[in-house]
Amino acid sequence: MYILWIIIAYMLVFAFKTIKGPTIWDRLLGMNLIFVKTIIFVIAYASVFDRAYMLDYAIISTLFGFISVIFITYFILDRAKGRKK
């Protein structure tokens, strides 16, 4: 049970990094770490409380996290190329 509170504490630390990050890449990294900690939290929750159906949520969350980071990266790089023209 304590592991869930530790994961929540880590998520708060990474949320602070996402908000405060000096560059957009630090914010993107913080957002990605929050996605990862969310997935770890769901897996730990499913293990502690014996809820196997929650693992489906972890898989879907993994896909959304990966796709969103890829799209945001492409958007940032496209904006950077547009400024240099």
PDB file of N, CA and C in Angstrom:
ATOM      1  N   MET A   1       0.817  -1.201   0.000  1.00  0.00           N
ATOM      2  CA  MET A   1       0.000   0.000   0.000  1.00  0.00           C
ATOM      3  C   MET A   1       0.857   1.260   0.000  1.00  0.00           C
ATOM      4  N   TYR A   2       2.000   1.185   0.686  1.00  0.00           N
ATOM      5  CA  TYR A   2       2.875   2.360   0.741  1.00  0.00           C
ATOM      6  C   TYR A   2       3.478   2.680  -0.613  1.00  0.00           C
ATOM      7  N   ILE A   3       3.616   1.666  -1.444  1.00  0.00           N
ATOM      8  CA  ILE A   3       4.194   1.900  -2.764  1.00  0.00           C
ATOM      9  C   ILE A   3       3.323   2.852  -3.581  1.00  0.00           C
ATOM     10  N   LEU A   4       2.029   2.792  -3.390  1.00  0.00           N
ATOM     11  CA  LEU A   4       1.135   3.698  -4.119  1.00  0.00           C
ATOM     12  C   LEU A   4       1.371   5.147  -3.712  1.00  0.00           C
ATOM     13  N   TRP A   5       1.605   5.390  -2.416  1.00  0.00           N
ATOM     14  CA  TRP A   5       1.882   6.755  -1.959  1.00  0.00           C
ATOM     15  C   TRP A   5       3.241   7.243  -2.460  1.00  0.00           C
ATOM     16  N   ILE A   6       4.196   6.354  -2.552  1.00  0.00           N
ATOM     17  CA  ILE A   6       5.516   6.736  -3.078  1.00  0.00           C
ATOM     18  C   ILE A   6       5.416   7.108  -4.552  1.00  0.00           C
ATOM     19  N   ILE A   7       4.639   6.356  -5.312  1.00  0.00           N
ATOM     20  CA  ILE A   7       4.456   6.670  -6.731  1.00  0.00           C
ATOM     21  C   ILE A   7       3.745   8.006  -6.895  1.00  0.00           C
ATOM     22  N   ILE A   8       2.763   8.290  -6.054  1.00  0.00           N
ATOM     23  CA  ILE A   8       2.067   9.582  -6.119  1.00  0.00           C
ATOM     24  C   ILE A   8       3.035  10.724  -5.802  1.00  0.00           C
ATOM     25  N   ALA A   9       3.927  10.515  -4.841  1.00  0.00           N
ATOM     26  CA  ALA A   9       4.925  11.546  -4.522  1.00  0.00           C
ATOM     27  C   ALA A   9       5.839  11.799  -5.712  1.00  0.00           C
ATOM     28  N   TYR A  10       6.267  10.739  -6.378  1.00  0.00           N
ATOM     29  CA  TYR A  10       7.093  10.912  -7.577  1.00  0.00           C
ATOM     30  C   TYR A  10       6.329  11.650  -8.672  1.00  0.00           C
ATOM     31  N   MET A  11       5.048  11.354  -8.808  1.00  0.00           N
ATOM     32  CA  MET A  11       4.258  12.040  -9.823  1.00  0.00           C
ATOM     33  C   MET A  11       4.175  13.538  -9.532  1.00  0.00           C
ATOM     34  N   LEU A  12       4.073  13.900  -8.276  1.00  0.00           N
ATOM     35  CA  LEU A  12       4.040  15.320  -7.918  1.00  0.00           C
ATOM     36  C   LEU A  12       5.378  16.001  -8.225  1.00  0.00           C
ATOM     37  N   VAL A  13       6.469  15.296  -7.991  1.00  0.00           N
ATOM     38  CA  VAL A  13       7.792  15.855  -8.314  1.00  0.00           C
ATOM     39  C   VAL A  13       7.904  16.092  -9.820  1.00  0.00           C
ATOM     40  N   PHE A  14       7.462  15.127 -10.606  1.00  0.00           N
ATOM     41  CA  PHE A  14       7.549  15.283 -12.055  1.00  0.00           C
ATOM     42  C   PHE A  14       6.551  16.322 -12.568  1.00  0.00           C
ATOM     43  N   ALA A  15       5.433  16.493 -11.891  1.00  0.00           N
ATOM     44  CA  ALA A  15       4.500  17.554 -12.271  1.00  0.00           C
ATOM     45  C   ALA A  15       5.141  18.919 -12.048  1.00  0.00           C
ATOM     46  N   PHE A  16       5.874  19.045 -10.955  1.00  0.00           N
ATOM     47  CA  PHE A  16       6.601  20.291 -10.703  1.00  0.00           C
ATOM     48  C   PHE A  16       7.640  20.534 -11.801  1.00  0.00           C
ATOM     49  N   LYS A  17       8.343  19.481 -12.219  1.00  0.00           N
ATOM     50  CA  LYS A  17       9.328  19.614 -13.296  1.00  0.00           C
ATOM     51  C   LYS A  17       8.648  20.004 -14.604  1.00  0.00           C
ATOM     52  N   THR A  18       7.466  19.466 -14.833  1.00  0.00           N
ATOM     53  CA  THR A  18       6.742  19.797 -16.060  1.00  0.00           C
ATOM     54  C   THR A  18       6.326  21.262 -16.058  1.00  0.00           C
ATOM     55  N   ILE A  19       5.894  21.770 -14.942  1.00  0.00           N
ATOM     56  CA  ILE A  19       5.448  23.162 -14.871  1.00  0.00           C
ATOM     57  C   ILE A  19       6.632  24.127 -14.895  1.00  0.00           C
ATOM     58  N   LYS A  20       7.679  23.800 -14.172  1.00  0.00           N
ATOM     59  CA  LYS A  20       8.789  24.727 -13.996  1.00  0.00           C
ATOM     60  C   LYS A  20       9.858  24.631 -15.075  1.00  0.00           C
ATOM     61  N   GLY A  21       9.902  23.518 -15.816  1.00  0.00           N
ATOM     62  CA  GLY A  21      10.986  23.274 -16.768  1.00  0.00           C
ATOM     63  C   GLY A  21      11.375  24.494 -17.583  1.00  0.00           C
ATOM     64  N   PRO A  22      12.658  24.805 -17.655  1.00  0.00           N
ATOM     65  CA  PRO A  22      13.059  26.013 -18.372  1.00  0.00           C
ATOM     66  C   PRO A  22      12.872  25.902 -19.886  1.00  0.00           C
ATOM     67  N   THR A  23      12.940  24.703 -20.435  1.00  0.00           N
ATOM     68  CA  THR A  23      12.759  24.543 -21.881  1.00  0.00           C
ATOM     69  C   THR A  23      11.555  23.666 -22.147  1.00  0.00           C
ATOM     70  N   ILE A  24      11.122  23.685 -23.395  1.00  0.00           N
ATOM     71  CA  ILE A  24       9.985  22.858 -23.787  1.00  0.00           C
ATOM     72  C   ILE A  24      10.339  21.383 -23.707  1.00  0.00           C
ATOM     73  N   TRP A  25      11.612  21.062 -23.901  1.00  0.00           N
ATOM     74  CA  TRP A  25      12.036  19.658 -23.847  1.00  0.00           C
ATOM     75  C   TRP A  25      11.993  19.134 -22.418  1.00  0.00           C
ATOM     76  N   ASP A  26      12.286  19.992 -21.440  1.00  0.00           N
ATOM     77  CA  ASP A  26      12.147  19.579 -20.042  1.00  0.00           C
ATOM     78  C   ASP A  26      10.687  19.325 -19.698  1.00  0.00           C
ATOM     79  N   ARG A  27       9.820  20.137 -20.234  1.00  0.00           N
ATOM     80  CA  ARG A  27       8.389  19.946 -19.985  1.00  0.00           C
ATOM     81  C   ARG A  27       7.880  18.674 -20.645  1.00  0.00           C
ATOM     82  N   LEU A  28       8.372  18.404 -21.850  1.00  0.00           N
ATOM     83  CA  LEU A  28       7.982  17.181 -22.529  1.00  0.00           C
ATOM     84  C   LEU A  28       8.486  15.951 -21.769  1.00  0.00           C
ATOM     85  N   LEU A  29       9.699  16.018 -21.262  1.00  0.00           N
ATOM     86  CA  LEU A  29      10.239  14.926 -20.464  1.00  0.00           C
ATOM     87  C   LEU A  29       9.432  14.736 -19.186  1.00  0.00           C
ATOM     88  N   GLY A  30       9.069  15.817 -18.528  1.00  0.00           N
ATOM     89  CA  GLY A  30       8.255  15.724 -17.328  1.00  0.00           C
ATOM     90  C   GLY A  30       6.894  15.106 -17.609  1.00  0.00           C
ATOM     91  N   MET A  31       6.294  15.484 -18.736  1.00  0.00           N
ATOM     92  CA  MET A  31       5.008  14.912 -19.107  1.00  0.00           C
ATOM     93  C   MET A  31       5.141  13.415 -19.382  1.00  0.00           C
ATOM     94  N   ASN A  32       6.204  13.032 -20.058  1.00  0.00           N
ATOM     95  CA  ASN A  32       6.430  11.622 -20.340  1.00  0.00           C
ATOM     96  C   ASN A  32       6.645  10.838 -19.047  1.00  0.00           C
ATOM     97  N   LEU A  33       7.361  11.408 -18.099  1.00  0.00           N
ATOM     98  CA  LEU A  33       7.584  10.731 -16.819  1.00  0.00           C
ATOM     99  C   LEU A  33       6.290  10.597 -16.022  1.00  0.00           C
ATOM    100  N   ILE A  34       5.398  11.572 -16.148  1.00  0.00           N
ATOM    101  CA  ILE A  34       4.101  11.465 -15.481  1.00  0.00           C
ATOM    102  C   ILE A  34       3.294  10.322 -16.090  1.00  0.00           C
ATOM    103  N   PHE A  35       3.346  10.183 -17.424  1.00  0.00           N
ATOM    104  CA  PHE A  35       2.669   9.054 -18.067  1.00  0.00           C
ATOM    105  C   PHE A  35       3.218   7.728 -17.561  1.00  0.00           C
ATOM    106  N   VAL A  36       4.536   7.634 -17.463  1.00  0.00           N
ATOM    107  CA  VAL A  36       5.155   6.391 -17.007  1.00  0.00           C
ATOM    108  C   VAL A  36       4.758   6.083 -15.571  1.00  0.00           C
ATOM    109  N   LYS A  37       4.786   7.095 -14.704  1.00  0.00           N
ATOM    110  CA  LYS A  37       4.411   6.868 -13.311  1.00  0.00           C
ATOM    111  C   LYS A  37       2.929   6.528 -13.185  1.00  0.00           C
ATOM    112  N   THR A  38       2.088   7.059 -14.050  1.00  0.00           N
ATOM    113  CA  THR A  38       0.678   6.699 -14.040  1.00  0.00           C
ATOM    114  C   THR A  38       0.496   5.233 -14.379  1.00  0.00           C
ATOM    115  N   ILE A  39       1.245   4.769 -15.364  1.00  0.00           N
ATOM    116  CA  ILE A  39       1.160   3.366 -15.756  1.00  0.00           C
ATOM    117  C   ILE A  39       1.656   2.463 -14.622  1.00  0.00           C
ATOM    118  N   ILE A  40       2.767   2.842 -13.994  1.00  0.00           N
ATOM    119  CA  ILE A  40       3.284   2.065 -12.869  1.00  0.00           C
ATOM    120  C   ILE A  40       2.278   2.066 -11.719  1.00  0.00           C
ATOM    121  N   PHE A  41       1.629   3.206 -11.479  1.00  0.00           N
ATOM    122  CA  PHE A  41       0.622   3.288 -10.422  1.00  0.00           C
ATOM    123  C   PHE A  41      -0.540   2.336 -10.697  1.00  0.00           C
ATOM    124  N   VAL A  42      -1.014   2.309 -11.932  1.00  0.00           N
ATOM    125  CA  VAL A  42      -2.147   1.441 -12.270  1.00  0.00           C
ATOM    126  C   VAL A  42      -1.753  -0.029 -12.125  1.00  0.00           C
ATOM    127  N   ILE A  43      -0.547  -0.378 -12.547  1.00  0.00           N
ATOM    128  CA  ILE A  43      -0.094  -1.764 -12.405  1.00  0.00           C
ATOM    129  C   ILE A  43       0.051  -2.141 -10.932  1.00  0.00           C
ATOM    130  N   ALA A  44       0.606  -1.241 -10.127  1.00  0.00           N
ATOM    131  CA  ALA A  44       0.740  -1.520  -8.689  1.00  0.00           C
ATOM    132  C   ALA A  44      -0.634  -1.622  -8.026  1.00  0.00           C
ATOM    133  N   TYR A  45      -1.544  -0.744  -8.403  1.00  0.00           N
ATOM    134  CA  TYR A  45      -2.904  -0.791  -7.859  1.00  0.00           C
ATOM    135  C   TYR A  45      -3.573  -2.117  -8.212  1.00  0.00           C
ATOM    136  N   ALA A  46      -3.417  -2.543  -9.475  1.00  0.00           N
ATOM    137  CA  ALA A  46      -4.011  -3.808  -9.898  1.00  0.00           C
ATOM    138  C   ALA A  46      -3.411  -4.981  -9.137  1.00  0.00           C
ATOM    139  N   SER A  47      -2.138  -4.906  -8.829  1.00  0.00           N
ATOM    140  CA  SER A  47      -1.499  -5.992  -8.085  1.00  0.00           C
ATOM    141  C   SER A  47      -1.917  -6.009  -6.623  1.00  0.00           C
ATOM    142  N   VAL A  48      -1.957  -4.839  -5.997  1.00  0.00           N
ATOM    143  CA  VAL A  48      -2.276  -4.769  -4.574  1.00  0.00           C
ATOM    144  C   VAL A  48      -3.724  -5.166  -4.306  1.00  0.00           C
ATOM    145  N   PHE A  49      -4.634  -4.677  -5.119  1.00  0.00           N
ATOM    146  CA  PHE A  49      -6.056  -4.915  -4.868  1.00  0.00           C
ATOM    147  C   PHE A  49      -6.650  -6.026  -5.738  1.00  0.00           C
ATOM    148  N   ASP A  50      -5.805  -6.767  -6.455  1.00  0.00           N
ATOM    149  CA  ASP A  50      -6.218  -7.918  -7.270  1.00  0.00           C
ATOM    150  C   ASP A  50      -7.313  -7.538  -8.272  1.00  0.00           C
ATOM    151  N   ARG A  51      -7.032  -6.524  -9.046  1.00  0.00           N
ATOM    152  CA  ARG A  51      -7.945  -6.045 -10.082  1.00  0.00           C
ATOM    153  C   ARG A  51      -7.270  -6.223 -11.452  1.00  0.00           C
ATOM    154  N   ALA A  52      -7.454  -7.346 -12.059  1.00  0.00           N
ATOM    155  CA  ALA A  52      -6.777  -7.651 -13.321  1.00  0.00           C
ATOM    156  C   ALA A  52      -7.288  -6.788 -14.476  1.00  0.00           C
ATOM    157  N   TYR A  53      -8.524  -6.361 -14.423  1.00  0.00           N
ATOM    158  CA  TYR A  53      -9.071  -5.552 -15.509  1.00  0.00           C
ATOM    159  C   TYR A  53      -8.395  -4.187 -15.619  1.00  0.00           C
ATOM    160  N   MET A  54      -7.739  -3.743 -14.549  1.00  0.00           N
ATOM    161  CA  MET A  54      -7.037  -2.455 -14.586  1.00  0.00           C
ATOM    162  C   MET A  54      -5.811  -2.498 -15.485  1.00  0.00           C
ATOM    163  N   LEU A  55      -5.313  -3.668 -15.791  1.00  0.00           N
ATOM    164  CA  LEU A  55      -4.147  -3.778 -16.668  1.00  0.00           C
ATOM    165  C   LEU A  55      -4.485  -3.347 -18.093  1.00  0.00           C
ATOM    166  N   ASP A  56      -5.746  -3.499 -18.498  1.00  0.00           N
ATOM    167  CA  ASP A  56      -6.169  -2.990 -19.799  1.00  0.00           C
ATOM    168  C   ASP A  56      -6.031  -1.470 -19.851  1.00  0.00           C
ATOM    169  N   TYR A  57      -6.388  -0.825 -18.757  1.00  0.00           N
ATOM    170  CA  TYR A  57      -6.224   0.623 -18.675  1.00  0.00           C
ATOM    171  C   TYR A  57      -4.745   1.008 -18.790  1.00  0.00           C
ATOM    172  N   ALA A  58      -3.874   0.219 -18.201  1.00  0.00           N
ATOM    173  CA  ALA A  58      -2.438   0.496 -18.279  1.00  0.00           C
ATOM    174  C   ALA A  58      -1.945   0.402 -19.715  1.00  0.00           C
ATOM    175  N   ILE A  59      -2.424  -0.578 -20.460  1.00  0.00           N
ATOM    176  CA  ILE A  59      -2.014  -0.726 -21.859  1.00  0.00           C
ATOM    177  C   ILE A  59      -2.513   0.446 -22.690  1.00  0.00           C
ATOM    178  N   ILE A  60      -3.769   0.826 -22.498  1.00  0.00           N
ATOM    179  CA  ILE A  60      -4.328   1.956 -23.247  1.00  0.00           C
ATOM    180  C   ILE A  60      -3.608   3.252 -22.880  1.00  0.00           C
ATOM    181  N   SER A  61      -3.321   3.444 -21.618  1.00  0.00           N
ATOM    182  CA  SER A  61      -2.599   4.631 -21.175  1.00  0.00           C
ATOM    183  C   SER A  61      -1.187   4.682 -21.761  1.00  0.00           C
ATOM    184  N   THR A  62      -0.556   3.530 -21.880  1.00  0.00           N
ATOM    185  CA  THR A  62       0.763   3.469 -22.498  1.00  0.00           C
ATOM    186  C   THR A  62       0.708   3.929 -23.944  1.00  0.00           C
ATOM    187  N   LEU A  63      -0.275   3.453 -24.672  1.00  0.00           N
ATOM    188  CA  LEU A  63      -0.407   3.853 -26.077  1.00  0.00           C
ATOM    189  C   LEU A  63      -0.684   5.349 -26.214  1.00  0.00           C
ATOM    190  N   PHE A  64      -1.598   5.874 -25.397  1.00  0.00           N
ATOM    191  CA  PHE A  64      -1.892   7.304 -25.456  1.00  0.00           C
ATOM    192  C   PHE A  64      -0.677   8.150 -25.084  1.00  0.00           C
ATOM    193  N   GLY A  65       0.054   7.729 -24.073  1.00  0.00           N
ATOM    194  CA  GLY A  65       1.256   8.466 -23.669  1.00  0.00           C
ATOM    195  C   GLY A  65       2.302   8.488 -24.764  1.00  0.00           C
ATOM    196  N   PHE A  66       2.542   7.348 -25.386  1.00  0.00           N
ATOM    197  CA  PHE A  66       3.534   7.267 -26.450  1.00  0.00           C
ATOM    198  C   PHE A  66       3.126   8.116 -27.654  1.00  0.00           C
ATOM    199  N   ILE A  67       1.887   7.971 -28.076  1.00  0.00           N
ATOM    200  CA  ILE A  67       1.418   8.718 -29.252  1.00  0.00           C
ATOM    201  C   ILE A  67       1.420  10.214 -28.980  1.00  0.00           C
ATOM    202  N   SER A  68       1.013  10.632 -27.802  1.00  0.00           N
ATOM    203  CA  SER A  68       0.986  12.069 -27.515  1.00  0.00           C
ATOM    204  C   SER A  68       2.391  12.665 -27.476  1.00  0.00           C
ATOM    205  N   VAL A  69       3.360  11.951 -26.926  1.00  0.00           N
ATOM    206  CA  VAL A  69       4.729  12.462 -26.908  1.00  0.00           C
ATOM    207  C   VAL A  69       5.272  12.572 -28.330  1.00  0.00           C
ATOM    208  N   ILE A  70       4.991  11.602 -29.180  1.00  0.00           N
ATOM    209  CA  ILE A  70       5.446  11.658 -30.578  1.00  0.00           C
ATOM    210  C   ILE A  70       4.817  12.851 -31.299  1.00  0.00           C
ATOM    211  N   PHE A  71       3.511  13.047 -31.140  1.00  0.00           N
ATOM    212  CA  PHE A  71       2.839  14.166 -31.804  1.00  0.00           C
ATOM    213  C   PHE A  71       3.343  15.521 -31.307  1.00  0.00           C
ATOM    214  N   ILE A  72       3.541  15.647 -30.021  1.00  0.00           N
ATOM    215  CA  ILE A  72       4.032  16.912 -29.483  1.00  0.00           C
ATOM    216  C   ILE A  72       5.453  17.189 -29.964  1.00  0.00           C
ATOM    217  N   THR A  73       6.278  16.152 -30.049  1.00  0.00           N
ATOM    218  CA  THR A  73       7.641  16.321 -30.558  1.00  0.00           C
ATOM    219  C   THR A  73       7.624  16.782 -32.008  1.00  0.00           C
ATOM    220  N   TYR A  74       6.800  16.148 -32.831  1.00  0.00           N
ATOM    221  CA  TYR A  74       6.693  16.581 -34.230  1.00  0.00           C
ATOM    222  C   TYR A  74       6.203  18.019 -34.327  1.00  0.00           C
ATOM    223  N   PHE A  75       5.250  18.392 -33.489  1.00  0.00           N
ATOM    224  CA  PHE A  75       4.734  19.759 -33.498  1.00  0.00           C
ATOM    225  C   PHE A  75       5.822  20.756 -33.122  1.00  0.00           C
ATOM    226  N   ILE A  76       6.601  20.441 -32.102  1.00  0.00           N
ATOM    227  CA  ILE A  76       7.680  21.342 -31.669  1.00  0.00           C
ATOM    228  C   ILE A  76       8.732  21.474 -32.757  1.00  0.00           C
ATOM    229  N   LEU A  77       9.124  20.363 -33.355  1.00  0.00           N
ATOM    230  CA  LEU A  77      10.135  20.411 -34.408  1.00  0.00           C
ATOM    231  C   LEU A  77       9.623  21.139 -35.643  1.00  0.00           C
ATOM    232  N   ASP A  78       8.344  20.960 -35.972  1.00  0.00           N
ATOM    233  CA  ASP A  78       7.773  21.657 -37.117  1.00  0.00           C
ATOM    234  C   ASP A  78       7.726  23.159 -36.880  1.00  0.00           C
ATOM    235  N   ARG A  79       7.391  23.564 -35.669  1.00  0.00           N
ATOM    236  CA  ARG A  79       7.397  25.001 -35.329  1.00  0.00           C
ATOM    237  C   ARG A  79       8.804  25.570 -35.395  1.00  0.00           C
ATOM    238  N   ALA A  80       9.788  24.791 -34.963  1.00  0.00           N
ATOM    239  CA  ALA A  80      11.173  25.274 -35.006  1.00  0.00           C
ATOM    240  C   ALA A  80      11.647  25.421 -36.445  1.00  0.00           C
ATOM    241  N   LYS A  81      11.249  24.538 -37.320  1.00  0.00           N
ATOM    242  CA  LYS A  81      11.626  24.648 -38.731  1.00  0.00           C
ATOM    243  C   LYS A  81      10.929  25.837 -39.384  1.00  0.00           C
ATOM    244  N   GLY A  82       9.689  26.110 -38.977  1.00  0.00           N
ATOM    245  CA  GLY A  82       8.940  27.232 -39.536  1.00  0.00           C
ATOM    246  C   GLY A  82       9.547  28.570 -39.168  1.00  0.00           C
ATOM    247  N   ARG A  83      10.159  28.690 -38.022  1.00  0.00           N
ATOM    248  CA  ARG A  83      10.789  29.948 -37.601  1.00  0.00           C
ATOM    249  C   ARG A  83      12.083  30.214 -38.350  1.00  0.00           C
ATOM    250  N   LYS A  84      12.774  29.152 -38.748  1.00  0.00           N
ATOM    251  CA  LYS A  84      14.070  29.332 -39.413  1.00  0.00           C
ATOM    252  C   LYS A  84      13.932  29.733 -40.859  1.00  0.00           C
ATOM    253  N   LYS A  85      12.759  29.560 -41.468  1.00  0.00           N
ATOM    254  CA  LYS A  85      12.579  29.885 -42.888  1.00  0.00           C
ATOM    255  C   LYS A  85      12.580  31.357 -43.142  1.00  0.00           C
TER     256      LYS A  85
END
